[in-house]
Amino acid sequence: MKFLLVSNSKNYGKILWPVVIGLGWLLNQVFIFETKILHFPETGSVALAITILTFVIYMALFPLTWKQQKFSILSKKMNPEIQKIQKKYQGKRDQASMAAMQEETQAVYDKYGISPMGSCVQLLIQFPILISLYRVFYNIKDFINATDNAYMLFGLSISKTPVDYIKANFHSNFGIVILALLFPVLSYVSNVIQMKASQASMDENDPTMKQMKIMNITMPLMSLFFAFTVPLGLTVYWIIGAVVRTVQQVLLNKHFEKIDLNEIIEKNKEKAALKAEKRGIKRAAIYNAANISTRNTLSSHASTDAKIKEEELEKAFQLRKTAKKGSLASMANMVDEYNNRNNK
């Protein structure tokens, strides 16, 4: 059972094709493990391989999930301080106030040892994985060499979409239509449960709570919509992924309930002080550089002005020396000569 490398990588996208090839290879290794080590029937099951692969991916992403949960928990303590800063600078739009507000806000994030972008990292990683897995499941026979039965799940091919089966069997086999509809519904329900589990750790007074409530509604609906138009293999990944995330979320909620958050904050104070000091040094360096630059500029301008004045005086002196008799310039020359003789 060999991994089938396809020479034309353009089928998998111009940018993500290495990720597609990598995930396809990994899925094939899981499939081999399933058939040989677990002594699965000779036909094997790609759907089971997808389930195992999903678990492996989410366990690899667990450190990011932990950080995301930590961010959510610490936000409960942090948000009152952030709101106080926002209230302090409310209505102030000048550059100095905006810079001070940003600096004070960053100091609070440093104090709690979290990053405002920390909760977005996992989403940024998940997106290319989803796109790549779509390519893998859509071209599943390019990556796994098995019998036709291995690509089936409850009689449905994992490389086809529910819409394909609904269109083909709507007037002939209503049982297949119901089965095809079941996958998007399971995707929706599993994502609703997962979103509620993640919301359990949030503070009701958190200003981002409204946004989270909107996401709790829109994200499962999006999974429901897309599950109709993507290969069934990707829907299986969504369903299993939501189950794994829910279990992780529940365990993390219990874990953080037992942790002394004040202890975490105390540990971060020293780090926060060092970060603040570095930012202070950086600002001082920029300020000094700006002052030096300004002084050099002013000095350069002063030198240029003096040179111009000297040249203008020299030109005036030369013109006066060649002045015609009876002109104002010649009379000025006579006055200068008289003053020079008397001064001697």
C-alpha atoms as a PDB file:
ATOM      1  CA  MET A   1       0.000   0.000   0.000  1.00  0.00           C
ATOM      2  CA  LYS A   2       2.033   2.959  -1.293  1.00  0.00           C
ATOM      3  CA  PHE A   3       1.530   6.711  -1.070  1.00  0.00           C
ATOM      4  CA  LEU A   4       0.618   7.961  -4.532  1.00  0.00           C
ATOM      5  CA  LEU A   5       2.496  11.176  -5.327  1.00  0.00           C
ATOM      6  CA  VAL A   6       0.859  13.079  -8.155  1.00  0.00           C
ATOM      7  CA  SER A   7       3.293  15.004 -10.352  1.00  0.00           C
ATOM      8  CA  ASN A   8       0.866  17.807 -11.189  1.00  0.00           C
ATOM      9  CA  SER A   9       0.804  19.752  -7.913  1.00  0.00           C
ATOM     10  CA  LYS A  10      -1.333  22.502  -9.495  1.00  0.00           C
ATOM     11  CA  ASN A  11      -4.384  20.355  -8.782  1.00  0.00           C
ATOM     12  CA  TYR A  12      -3.845  21.097  -5.102  1.00  0.00           C
ATOM     13  CA  GLY A  13      -3.366  24.856  -5.318  1.00  0.00           C
ATOM     14  CA  LYS A  14      -0.390  27.046  -6.148  1.00  0.00           C
ATOM     15  CA  ILE A  15       0.363  28.007  -2.526  1.00  0.00           C
ATOM     16  CA  LEU A  16      -0.913  25.231  -0.261  1.00  0.00           C
ATOM     17  CA  TRP A  17       0.061  22.202  -2.327  1.00  0.00           C
ATOM     18  CA  PRO A  18       2.976  21.263   0.026  1.00  0.00           C
ATOM     19  CA  VAL A  19       0.510  21.250   2.947  1.00  0.00           C
ATOM     20  CA  VAL A  20      -1.909  19.169   0.895  1.00  0.00           C
ATOM     21  CA  ILE A  21       0.815  16.641   0.038  1.00  0.00           C
ATOM     22  CA  GLY A  22       1.939  16.512   3.671  1.00  0.00           C
ATOM     23  CA  LEU A  23      -1.555  15.930   5.058  1.00  0.00           C
ATOM     24  CA  GLY A  24      -2.265  13.379   2.333  1.00  0.00           C
ATOM     25  CA  TRP A  25       0.910  11.496   3.252  1.00  0.00           C
ATOM     26  CA  LEU A  26      -0.001  11.613   6.951  1.00  0.00           C
ATOM     27  CA  LEU A  27      -3.517  10.329   6.254  1.00  0.00           C
ATOM     28  CA  ASN A  28      -2.037   7.475   4.243  1.00  0.00           C
ATOM     29  CA  GLN A  29       0.277   6.551   7.138  1.00  0.00           C
ATOM     30  CA  VAL A  30      -2.687   6.519   9.509  1.00  0.00           C
ATOM     31  CA  PHE A  31      -4.588   4.305   7.075  1.00  0.00           C
ATOM     32  CA  ILE A  32      -1.666   1.858   6.930  1.00  0.00           C
ATOM     33  CA  PHE A  33      -1.463   1.860  10.740  1.00  0.00           C
ATOM     34  CA  GLU A  34      -5.194   1.178  10.936  1.00  0.00           C
ATOM     35  CA  THR A  35      -5.135  -1.794   8.564  1.00  0.00           C
ATOM     36  CA  LYS A  36      -1.941  -3.446   9.858  1.00  0.00           C
ATOM     37  CA  ILE A  37      -1.558  -2.576  13.541  1.00  0.00           C
ATOM     38  CA  LEU A  38      -5.252  -2.563  14.474  1.00  0.00           C
ATOM     39  CA  HIS A  39      -5.888  -5.645  12.314  1.00  0.00           C
ATOM     40  CA  PHE A  40      -8.809  -3.947  10.591  1.00  0.00           C
ATOM     41  CA  PRO A  41     -10.471  -5.896   7.786  1.00  0.00           C
ATOM     42  CA  GLU A  42      -8.459  -5.888   4.557  1.00  0.00           C
ATOM     43  CA  THR A  43     -10.613  -3.229   2.952  1.00  0.00           C
ATOM     44  CA  GLY A  44      -9.792  -0.728   5.693  1.00  0.00           C
ATOM     45  CA  SER A  45     -11.750   2.440   6.341  1.00  0.00           C
ATOM     46  CA  VAL A  46     -10.615   5.894   5.223  1.00  0.00           C
ATOM     47  CA  ALA A  47     -13.325   7.417   7.449  1.00  0.00           C
ATOM     48  CA  LEU A  48     -11.688   5.805  10.491  1.00  0.00           C
ATOM     49  CA  ALA A  49      -8.314   7.093   9.312  1.00  0.00           C
ATOM     50  CA  ILE A  50      -9.814  10.595   9.087  1.00  0.00           C
ATOM     51  CA  THR A  51     -11.119  10.231  12.657  1.00  0.00           C
ATOM     52  CA  ILE A  52      -7.665   9.262  13.941  1.00  0.00           C
ATOM     53  CA  LEU A  53      -5.994  12.022  11.902  1.00  0.00           C
ATOM     54  CA  THR A  54      -8.414  14.585  13.347  1.00  0.00           C
ATOM     55  CA  PHE A  55      -7.499  13.517  16.866  1.00  0.00           C
ATOM     56  CA  VAL A  56      -3.773  13.764  16.024  1.00  0.00           C
ATOM     57  CA  ILE A  57      -4.156  17.283  14.554  1.00  0.00           C
ATOM     58  CA  TYR A  58      -6.117  18.622  17.517  1.00  0.00           C
ATOM     59  CA  MET A  59      -3.712  17.105  20.000  1.00  0.00           C
ATOM     60  CA  ALA A  60      -0.884  18.836  18.109  1.00  0.00           C
ATOM     61  CA  LEU A  61      -2.825  22.095  18.362  1.00  0.00           C
ATOM     62  CA  PHE A  62      -3.557  21.589  22.057  1.00  0.00           C
ATOM     63  CA  PRO A  63      -0.844  24.032  23.271  1.00  0.00           C
ATOM     64  CA  LEU A  64      -2.583  26.771  21.275  1.00  0.00           C
ATOM     65  CA  THR A  65      -5.945  25.690  22.696  1.00  0.00           C
ATOM     66  CA  TRP A  66      -4.461  25.945  26.201  1.00  0.00           C
ATOM     67  CA  LYS A  67      -3.194  29.477  25.514  1.00  0.00           C
ATOM     68  CA  GLN A  68      -6.555  30.464  24.063  1.00  0.00           C
ATOM     69  CA  GLN A  69      -8.307  29.185  27.175  1.00  0.00           C
ATOM     70  CA  LYS A  70      -5.798  30.956  29.404  1.00  0.00           C
ATOM     71  CA  PHE A  71      -6.513  34.189  27.522  1.00  0.00           C
ATOM     72  CA  SER A  72     -10.252  33.729  28.046  1.00  0.00           C
ATOM     73  CA  ILE A  73      -9.898  33.017  31.777  1.00  0.00           C
ATOM     74  CA  LEU A  74      -7.471  35.868  32.489  1.00  0.00           C
ATOM     75  CA  SER A  75      -9.687  38.248  30.520  1.00  0.00           C
ATOM     76  CA  LYS A  76     -12.200  38.047  33.369  1.00  0.00           C
ATOM     77  CA  LYS A  77      -9.679  39.741  35.668  1.00  0.00           C
ATOM     78  CA  MET A  78      -8.130  41.918  32.993  1.00  0.00           C
ATOM     79  CA  ASN A  79     -11.221  43.475  31.393  1.00  0.00           C
ATOM     80  CA  PRO A  80     -12.091  45.851  34.286  1.00  0.00           C
ATOM     81  CA  GLU A  81      -8.619  47.379  33.997  1.00  0.00           C
ATOM     82  CA  ILE A  82      -8.902  47.671  30.205  1.00  0.00           C
ATOM     83  CA  GLN A  83     -12.313  49.320  30.542  1.00  0.00           C
ATOM     84  CA  LYS A  84     -10.880  51.771  33.105  1.00  0.00           C
ATOM     85  CA  ILE A  85      -8.163  52.814  30.639  1.00  0.00           C
ATOM     86  CA  GLN A  86     -10.699  53.171  27.817  1.00  0.00           C
ATOM     87  CA  LYS A  87     -12.882  55.360  30.047  1.00  0.00           C
ATOM     88  CA  LYS A  88      -9.850  57.461  31.037  1.00  0.00           C
ATOM     89  CA  TYR A  89      -9.102  58.351  27.415  1.00  0.00           C
ATOM     90  CA  GLN A  90     -12.695  58.415  26.165  1.00  0.00           C
ATOM     91  CA  GLY A  91     -13.211  61.209  23.648  1.00  0.00           C
ATOM     92  CA  LYS A  92      -9.471  61.973  23.355  1.00  0.00           C
ATOM     93  CA  ARG A  93      -8.248  61.583  19.786  1.00  0.00           C
ATOM     94  CA  ASP A  94      -4.971  63.499  19.843  1.00  0.00           C
ATOM     95  CA  GLN A  95      -1.805  61.559  19.051  1.00  0.00           C
ATOM     96  CA  ALA A  96      -0.329  61.829  22.552  1.00  0.00           C
ATOM     97  CA  SER A  97      -3.488  60.468  24.224  1.00  0.00           C
ATOM     98  CA  MET A  98      -3.819  57.620  21.731  1.00  0.00           C
ATOM     99  CA  ALA A  99      -0.173  56.647  22.239  1.00  0.00           C
ATOM    100  CA  ALA A 100      -0.565  56.785  26.043  1.00  0.00           C
ATOM    101  CA  MET A 101      -3.728  54.666  25.884  1.00  0.00           C
ATOM    102  CA  GLN A 102      -2.000  52.082  23.719  1.00  0.00           C
ATOM    103  CA  GLU A 103       0.984  51.978  26.077  1.00  0.00           C
ATOM    104  CA  GLU A 104      -1.173  51.534  29.198  1.00  0.00           C
ATOM    105  CA  THR A 105      -3.281  48.861  27.504  1.00  0.00           C
ATOM    106  CA  GLN A 106      -0.170  46.939  26.458  1.00  0.00           C
ATOM    107  CA  ALA A 107       1.132  47.185  30.022  1.00  0.00           C
ATOM    108  CA  VAL A 108      -2.038  45.456  31.270  1.00  0.00           C
ATOM    109  CA  TYR A 109      -1.648  42.670  28.685  1.00  0.00           C
ATOM    110  CA  ASP A 110       1.977  42.246  29.773  1.00  0.00           C
ATOM    111  CA  LYS A 111       0.920  42.140  33.411  1.00  0.00           C
ATOM    112  CA  TYR A 112      -1.379  39.184  32.728  1.00  0.00           C
ATOM    113  CA  GLY A 113       1.101  37.552  30.355  1.00  0.00           C
ATOM    114  CA  ILE A 114      -1.227  37.282  27.374  1.00  0.00           C
ATOM    115  CA  SER A 115      -1.293  38.616  23.840  1.00  0.00           C
ATOM    116  CA  PRO A 116      -4.353  40.292  22.254  1.00  0.00           C
ATOM    117  CA  MET A 117      -3.697  38.142  19.177  1.00  0.00           C
ATOM    118  CA  GLY A 118      -3.333  34.940  21.181  1.00  0.00           C
ATOM    119  CA  SER A 119      -6.924  33.847  20.625  1.00  0.00           C
ATOM    120  CA  CYS A 120      -6.619  34.227  16.840  1.00  0.00           C
ATOM    121  CA  VAL A 121      -3.531  32.112  16.209  1.00  0.00           C
ATOM    122  CA  GLN A 122      -5.367  28.783  16.193  1.00  0.00           C
ATOM    123  CA  LEU A 123      -7.923  30.092  13.705  1.00  0.00           C
ATOM    124  CA  LEU A 124      -5.129  31.280  11.428  1.00  0.00           C
ATOM    125  CA  ILE A 125      -3.569  27.800  11.524  1.00  0.00           C
ATOM    126  CA  GLN A 126      -6.860  25.940  11.153  1.00  0.00           C
ATOM    127  CA  PHE A 127      -7.868  27.752   7.969  1.00  0.00           C
ATOM    128  CA  PRO A 128      -5.067  26.452   5.691  1.00  0.00           C
ATOM    129  CA  ILE A 129      -5.526  22.986   7.216  1.00  0.00           C
ATOM    130  CA  LEU A 130      -9.207  23.001   6.260  1.00  0.00           C
ATOM    131  CA  ILE A 131      -8.478  24.184   2.721  1.00  0.00           C
ATOM    132  CA  SER A 132      -5.760  21.552   2.325  1.00  0.00           C
ATOM    133  CA  LEU A 133      -7.928  18.738   3.702  1.00  0.00           C
ATOM    134  CA  TYR A 134     -10.648  19.728   1.246  1.00  0.00           C
ATOM    135  CA  ARG A 135      -8.154  19.060  -1.553  1.00  0.00           C
ATOM    136  CA  VAL A 136      -7.070  15.777   0.036  1.00  0.00           C
ATOM    137  CA  PHE A 137     -10.585  14.402   0.476  1.00  0.00           C
ATOM    138  CA  TYR A 138     -11.728  15.611  -2.935  1.00  0.00           C
ATOM    139  CA  ASN A 139      -8.778  13.759  -4.534  1.00  0.00           C
ATOM    140  CA  ILE A 140      -8.632  10.956  -1.948  1.00  0.00           C
ATOM    141  CA  LYS A 141      -7.632   8.250  -4.457  1.00  0.00           C
ATOM    142  CA  ASP A 142      -4.482  10.229  -5.282  1.00  0.00           C
ATOM    143  CA  PHE A 143      -3.248   9.685  -1.740  1.00  0.00           C
ATOM    144  CA  ILE A 144      -4.621   6.316  -0.606  1.00  0.00           C
ATOM    145  CA  ASN A 145      -4.584   3.189  -2.746  1.00  0.00           C
ATOM    146  CA  ALA A 146      -7.402   0.969  -1.468  1.00  0.00           C
ATOM    147  CA  THR A 147     -10.516  -0.891  -2.542  1.00  0.00           C
ATOM    148  CA  ASP A 148     -13.677   1.077  -3.355  1.00  0.00           C
ATOM    149  CA  ASN A 149     -15.303   0.019  -0.090  1.00  0.00           C
ATOM    150  CA  ALA A 150     -12.545   1.724   1.901  1.00  0.00           C
ATOM    151  CA  TYR A 151     -13.680   5.145   0.616  1.00  0.00           C
ATOM    152  CA  MET A 152     -17.281   4.609   1.745  1.00  0.00           C
ATOM    153  CA  LEU A 153     -19.017   5.661   4.966  1.00  0.00           C
ATOM    154  CA  PHE A 154     -22.516   4.242   5.523  1.00  0.00           C
ATOM    155  CA  GLY A 155     -22.716   3.662   1.780  1.00  0.00           C
ATOM    156  CA  LEU A 156     -21.626   7.223   0.885  1.00  0.00           C
ATOM    157  CA  SER A 157     -18.308   8.150  -0.699  1.00  0.00           C
ATOM    158  CA  ILE A 158     -16.216  10.506   1.450  1.00  0.00           C
ATOM    159  CA  SER A 159     -15.041  12.374  -1.664  1.00  0.00           C
ATOM    160  CA  LYS A 160     -18.573  13.392  -2.686  1.00  0.00           C
ATOM    161  CA  THR A 161     -20.768  16.103  -1.181  1.00  0.00           C
ATOM    162  CA  PRO A 162     -24.266  15.762   0.336  1.00  0.00           C
ATOM    163  CA  VAL A 163     -25.564  17.951  -2.491  1.00  0.00           C
ATOM    164  CA  ASP A 164     -24.291  15.362  -5.008  1.00  0.00           C
ATOM    165  CA  TYR A 165     -26.322  12.616  -3.313  1.00  0.00           C
ATOM    166  CA  ILE A 166     -29.402  14.795  -2.794  1.00  0.00           C
ATOM    167  CA  LYS A 167     -29.521  15.744  -6.482  1.00  0.00           C
ATOM    168  CA  ALA A 168     -28.932  12.187  -7.682  1.00  0.00           C
ATOM    169  CA  ASN A 169     -31.381  10.453  -5.306  1.00  0.00           C
ATOM    170  CA  PHE A 170     -34.067  13.030  -4.510  1.00  0.00           C
ATOM    171  CA  HIS A 171     -36.727  11.267  -6.620  1.00  0.00           C
ATOM    172  CA  SER A 172     -35.404   7.705  -6.398  1.00  0.00           C
ATOM    173  CA  ASN A 173     -33.872   6.929  -3.004  1.00  0.00           C
ATOM    174  CA  PHE A 174     -35.123   9.125  -0.174  1.00  0.00           C
ATOM    175  CA  GLY A 175     -33.177   7.077   2.386  1.00  0.00           C
ATOM    176  CA  ILE A 176     -29.881   8.169   0.816  1.00  0.00           C
ATOM    177  CA  VAL A 177     -31.106  11.792   0.864  1.00  0.00           C
ATOM    178  CA  ILE A 178     -31.869  11.601   4.604  1.00  0.00           C
ATOM    179  CA  LEU A 179     -28.463  10.032   5.247  1.00  0.00           C
ATOM    180  CA  ALA A 180     -26.757  12.773   3.232  1.00  0.00           C
ATOM    181  CA  LEU A 181     -28.641  15.431   5.216  1.00  0.00           C
ATOM    182  CA  LEU A 182     -27.571  13.850   8.496  1.00  0.00           C
ATOM    183  CA  PHE A 183     -23.910  14.890   8.091  1.00  0.00           C
ATOM    184  CA  PRO A 184     -24.530  18.672   7.872  1.00  0.00           C
ATOM    185  CA  VAL A 185     -26.984  18.436  10.802  1.00  0.00           C
ATOM    186  CA  LEU A 186     -24.425  16.579  12.938  1.00  0.00           C
ATOM    187  CA  SER A 187     -21.839  19.190  11.995  1.00  0.00           C
ATOM    188  CA  TYR A 188     -24.154  21.978  13.138  1.00  0.00           C
ATOM    189  CA  VAL A 189     -25.123  20.303  16.428  1.00  0.00           C
ATOM    190  CA  SER A 190     -21.529  19.387  17.350  1.00  0.00           C
ATOM    191  CA  ASN A 191     -20.334  22.943  16.676  1.00  0.00           C
ATOM    192  CA  VAL A 192     -23.173  24.432  18.765  1.00  0.00           C
ATOM    193  CA  ILE A 193     -22.156  22.246  21.722  1.00  0.00           C
ATOM    194  CA  GLN A 194     -18.490  23.158  21.271  1.00  0.00           C
ATOM    195  CA  MET A 195     -19.216  26.906  21.126  1.00  0.00           C
ATOM    196  CA  LYS A 196     -21.324  26.718  24.294  1.00  0.00           C
ATOM    197  CA  ALA A 197     -18.510  24.897  26.086  1.00  0.00           C
ATOM    198  CA  SER A 198     -16.062  27.641  25.118  1.00  0.00           C
ATOM    199  CA  GLN A 199     -18.506  30.352  26.193  1.00  0.00           C
ATOM    200  CA  ALA A 200     -18.809  28.835  29.680  1.00  0.00           C
ATOM    201  CA  SER A 201     -15.402  30.238  30.642  1.00  0.00           C
ATOM    202  CA  MET A 202     -16.186  33.814  29.606  1.00  0.00           C
ATOM    203  CA  ASP A 203     -17.285  36.724  31.762  1.00  0.00           C
ATOM    204  CA  GLU A 204     -20.820  37.994  31.156  1.00  0.00           C
ATOM    205  CA  ASN A 205     -19.523  41.571  31.572  1.00  0.00           C
ATOM    206  CA  ASP A 206     -16.826  41.068  28.957  1.00  0.00           C
ATOM    207  CA  PRO A 207     -17.356  43.678  26.182  1.00  0.00           C
ATOM    208  CA  THR A 208     -16.477  41.007  23.624  1.00  0.00           C
ATOM    209  CA  MET A 209     -19.270  38.765  24.911  1.00  0.00           C
ATOM    210  CA  LYS A 210     -21.722  40.174  22.360  1.00  0.00           C
ATOM    211  CA  GLN A 211     -19.308  39.314  19.570  1.00  0.00           C
ATOM    212  CA  MET A 212     -18.904  35.816  20.983  1.00  0.00           C
ATOM    213  CA  LYS A 213     -22.664  35.343  21.082  1.00  0.00           C
ATOM    214  CA  ILE A 214     -22.850  36.353  17.426  1.00  0.00           C
ATOM    215  CA  MET A 215     -20.054  33.875  16.616  1.00  0.00           C
ATOM    216  CA  ASN A 216     -21.882  31.176  18.589  1.00  0.00           C
ATOM    217  CA  ILE A 217     -24.757  31.597  16.153  1.00  0.00           C
ATOM    218  CA  THR A 218     -22.920  32.241  12.889  1.00  0.00           C
ATOM    219  CA  MET A 219     -20.102  29.666  13.142  1.00  0.00           C
ATOM    220  CA  PRO A 220     -22.352  26.595  13.510  1.00  0.00           C
ATOM    221  CA  LEU A 221     -24.594  27.953  10.740  1.00  0.00           C
ATOM    222  CA  MET A 222     -21.562  28.348   8.504  1.00  0.00           C
ATOM    223  CA  SER A 223     -20.533  24.763   9.235  1.00  0.00           C
ATOM    224  CA  LEU A 224     -24.083  23.670   8.368  1.00  0.00           C
ATOM    225  CA  PHE A 225     -24.002  25.570   5.066  1.00  0.00           C
ATOM    226  CA  PHE A 226     -20.536  24.462   3.974  1.00  0.00           C
ATOM    227  CA  ALA A 227     -21.159  20.853   5.004  1.00  0.00           C
ATOM    228  CA  PHE A 228     -23.618  20.585   2.109  1.00  0.00           C
ATOM    229  CA  THR A 229     -20.998  21.580  -0.481  1.00  0.00           C
ATOM    230  CA  VAL A 230     -17.731  20.012   0.745  1.00  0.00           C
ATOM    231  CA  PRO A 231     -16.650  16.350   0.597  1.00  0.00           C
ATOM    232  CA  LEU A 232     -18.104  14.171   3.345  1.00  0.00           C
ATOM    233  CA  GLY A 233     -14.582  13.509   4.586  1.00  0.00           C
ATOM    234  CA  LEU A 234     -14.202  17.166   5.554  1.00  0.00           C
ATOM    235  CA  THR A 235     -17.559  17.114   7.335  1.00  0.00           C
ATOM    236  CA  VAL A 236     -16.366  14.078   9.310  1.00  0.00           C
ATOM    237  CA  TYR A 237     -13.274  16.110  10.230  1.00  0.00           C
ATOM    238  CA  TRP A 238     -15.496  18.983  11.434  1.00  0.00           C
ATOM    239  CA  ILE A 239     -17.716  16.693  13.505  1.00  0.00           C
ATOM    240  CA  ILE A 240     -14.877  14.774  15.153  1.00  0.00           C
ATOM    241  CA  GLY A 241     -12.942  18.016  15.615  1.00  0.00           C
ATOM    242  CA  ALA A 242     -15.876  19.643  17.406  1.00  0.00           C
ATOM    243  CA  VAL A 243     -16.169  16.633  19.713  1.00  0.00           C
ATOM    244  CA  VAL A 244     -12.448  16.709  20.551  1.00  0.00           C
ATOM    245  CA  ARG A 245     -12.523  20.495  21.136  1.00  0.00           C
ATOM    246  CA  THR A 246     -15.542  20.139  23.423  1.00  0.00           C
ATOM    247  CA  VAL A 247     -13.797  17.528  25.570  1.00  0.00           C
ATOM    248  CA  GLN A 248     -10.640  19.667  25.686  1.00  0.00           C
ATOM    249  CA  GLN A 249     -12.675  22.728  26.608  1.00  0.00           C
ATOM    250  CA  VAL A 250     -14.485  21.010  29.483  1.00  0.00           C
ATOM    251  CA  LEU A 251     -11.226  19.634  30.889  1.00  0.00           C
ATOM    252  CA  LEU A 252      -9.480  23.004  30.565  1.00  0.00           C
ATOM    253  CA  ASN A 253     -12.385  24.778  32.281  1.00  0.00           C
ATOM    254  CA  LYS A 254     -12.029  22.443  35.275  1.00  0.00           C
ATOM    255  CA  HIS A 255      -8.244  22.831  35.219  1.00  0.00           C
ATOM    256  CA  PHE A 256      -8.291  26.628  35.301  1.00  0.00           C
ATOM    257  CA  GLU A 257     -10.928  26.653  38.042  1.00  0.00           C
ATOM    258  CA  LYS A 258      -8.309  25.084  40.348  1.00  0.00           C
ATOM    259  CA  ILE A 259      -5.480  27.460  39.393  1.00  0.00           C
ATOM    260  CA  ASP A 260      -4.627  30.540  41.470  1.00  0.00           C
ATOM    261  CA  LEU A 261      -4.795  33.321  38.884  1.00  0.00           C
ATOM    262  CA  ASN A 262      -3.079  35.755  41.253  1.00  0.00           C
ATOM    263  CA  GLU A 263      -0.050  33.480  41.252  1.00  0.00           C
ATOM    264  CA  ILE A 264       0.079  33.623  37.450  1.00  0.00           C
ATOM    265  CA  ILE A 265      -0.180  37.430  37.559  1.00  0.00           C
ATOM    266  CA  GLU A 266       2.645  37.682  40.116  1.00  0.00           C
ATOM    267  CA  LYS A 267       4.914  35.590  37.905  1.00  0.00           C
ATOM    268  CA  ASN A 268       4.178  37.865  34.956  1.00  0.00           C
ATOM    269  CA  LYS A 269       4.916  41.115  36.807  1.00  0.00           C
ATOM    270  CA  GLU A 270       8.690  40.804  36.424  1.00  0.00           C
ATOM    271  CA  LYS A 271       8.363  39.960  32.741  1.00  0.00           C
ATOM    272  CA  ALA A 272       5.976  42.871  32.294  1.00  0.00           C
ATOM    273  CA  ALA A 273       8.473  45.243  33.969  1.00  0.00           C
ATOM    274  CA  LEU A 274      11.245  44.094  31.609  1.00  0.00           C
ATOM    275  CA  LYS A 275       9.014  44.578  28.572  1.00  0.00           C
ATOM    276  CA  ALA A 276       8.006  48.039  29.756  1.00  0.00           C
ATOM    277  CA  GLU A 277      11.676  48.929  30.334  1.00  0.00           C
ATOM    278  CA  LYS A 278      12.599  47.810  26.839  1.00  0.00           C
ATOM    279  CA  ARG A 279       9.796  49.892  25.358  1.00  0.00           C
ATOM    280  CA  GLY A 280      10.978  52.865  27.472  1.00  0.00           C
ATOM    281  CA  ILE A 281      14.557  52.477  26.243  1.00  0.00           C
ATOM    282  CA  LYS A 282      13.338  52.231  22.699  1.00  0.00           C
ATOM    283  CA  ARG A 283      11.239  55.378  23.042  1.00  0.00           C
ATOM    284  CA  ALA A 284      14.172  57.231  24.644  1.00  0.00           C
ATOM    285  CA  ALA A 285      16.484  56.157  21.830  1.00  0.00           C
ATOM    286  CA  ILE A 286      14.036  57.360  19.207  1.00  0.00           C
ATOM    287  CA  TYR A 287      13.528  60.624  21.097  1.00  0.00           C
ATOM    288  CA  ASN A 288      17.292  61.252  21.330  1.00  0.00           C
ATOM    289  CA  ALA A 289      17.806  60.354  17.701  1.00  0.00           C
ATOM    290  CA  ALA A 290      15.039  62.769  16.758  1.00  0.00           C
ATOM    291  CA  ASN A 291      16.642  65.551  18.838  1.00  0.00           C
ATOM    292  CA  ILE A 292      20.074  64.928  17.324  1.00  0.00           C
ATOM    293  CA  SER A 293      18.562  64.930  13.873  1.00  0.00           C
ATOM    294  CA  THR A 294      16.750  68.193  14.632  1.00  0.00           C
ATOM    295  CA  ARG A 295      19.887  69.871  15.998  1.00  0.00           C
ATOM    296  CA  ASN A 296      21.898  68.767  12.992  1.00  0.00           C
ATOM    297  CA  THR A 297      19.225  70.071  10.684  1.00  0.00           C
ATOM    298  CA  LEU A 298      19.055  73.437  12.449  1.00  0.00           C
ATOM    299  CA  SER A 299      22.863  73.727  12.474  1.00  0.00           C
ATOM    300  CA  SER A 300      22.994  72.889   8.802  1.00  0.00           C
ATOM    301  CA  HIS A 301      20.346  75.514   8.012  1.00  0.00           C
ATOM    302  CA  ALA A 302      22.174  78.157  10.082  1.00  0.00           C
ATOM    303  CA  SER A 303      25.469  77.440   8.305  1.00  0.00           C
ATOM    304  CA  THR A 304      23.792  77.636   4.918  1.00  0.00           C
ATOM    305  CA  ASP A 305      22.107  80.958   5.794  1.00  0.00           C
ATOM    306  CA  ALA A 306      25.417  82.484   6.959  1.00  0.00           C
ATOM    307  CA  LYS A 307      27.154  81.425   3.762  1.00  0.00           C
ATOM    308  CA  ILE A 308      24.396  82.944   1.638  1.00  0.00           C
ATOM    309  CA  LYS A 309      24.596  86.232   3.540  1.00  0.00           C
ATOM    310  CA  GLU A 310      28.392  86.356   3.129  1.00  0.00           C
ATOM    311  CA  GLU A 311      28.085  85.825  -0.619  1.00  0.00           C
ATOM    312  CA  GLU A 312      25.445  88.537  -0.915  1.00  0.00           C
ATOM    313  CA  LEU A 313      27.652  91.065   0.995  1.00  0.00           C
ATOM    314  CA  GLU A 314      30.611  90.256  -1.250  1.00  0.00           C
ATOM    315  CA  LYS A 315      28.504  90.850  -4.355  1.00  0.00           C
ATOM    316  CA  ALA A 316      27.280  94.191  -2.954  1.00  0.00           C
ATOM    317  CA  PHE A 317      30.861  95.259  -2.173  1.00  0.00           C
ATOM    318  CA  GLN A 318      32.019  94.479  -5.702  1.00  0.00           C
ATOM    319  CA  LEU A 319      29.107  96.435  -7.227  1.00  0.00           C
ATOM    320  CA  ARG A 320      29.878  99.458  -5.081  1.00  0.00           C
ATOM    321  CA  LYS A 321      33.527  99.463  -6.242  1.00  0.00           C
ATOM    322  CA  THR A 322      32.439  99.808  -9.878  1.00  0.00           C
ATOM    323  CA  ALA A 323      29.692 102.371  -9.185  1.00  0.00           C
ATOM    324  CA  LYS A 324      29.328 105.449 -11.502  1.00  0.00           C
ATOM    325  CA  LYS A 325      30.181 108.948 -10.266  1.00  0.00           C
ATOM    326  CA  GLY A 326      27.194 110.763  -8.800  1.00  0.00           C
ATOM    327  CA  SER A 327      25.285 107.576  -7.990  1.00  0.00           C
ATOM    328  CA  LEU A 328      24.172 106.637  -4.492  1.00  0.00           C
ATOM    329  CA  ALA A 329      26.664 103.781  -4.479  1.00  0.00           C
ATOM    330  CA  SER A 330      29.590 106.173  -5.306  1.00  0.00           C
ATOM    331  CA  MET A 331      28.485 108.547  -2.554  1.00  0.00           C
ATOM    332  CA  ALA A 332      28.424 105.595  -0.121  1.00  0.00           C
ATOM    333  CA  ASN A 333      31.983 104.750  -1.170  1.00  0.00           C
ATOM    334  CA  MET A 334      33.090 108.326  -0.449  1.00  0.00           C
ATOM    335  CA  VAL A 335      31.521 108.135   3.037  1.00  0.00           C
ATOM    336  CA  ASP A 336      33.354 104.848   3.733  1.00  0.00           C
ATOM    337  CA  GLU A 337      36.695 106.350   2.625  1.00  0.00           C
ATOM    338  CA  TYR A 338      36.156 109.431   4.846  1.00  0.00           C
ATOM    339  CA  ASN A 339      35.306 107.211   7.870  1.00  0.00           C
ATOM    340  CA  ASN A 340      38.350 105.008   7.256  1.00  0.00           C
ATOM    341  CA  ARG A 341      40.729 108.037   7.128  1.00  0.00           C
ATOM    342  CA  ASN A 342      39.292 109.505  10.349  1.00  0.00           C
ATOM    343  CA  ASN A 343      39.422 106.147  12.161  1.00  0.00           C
ATOM    344  CA  LYS A 344      43.140 105.871  11.406  1.00  0.00           C
END
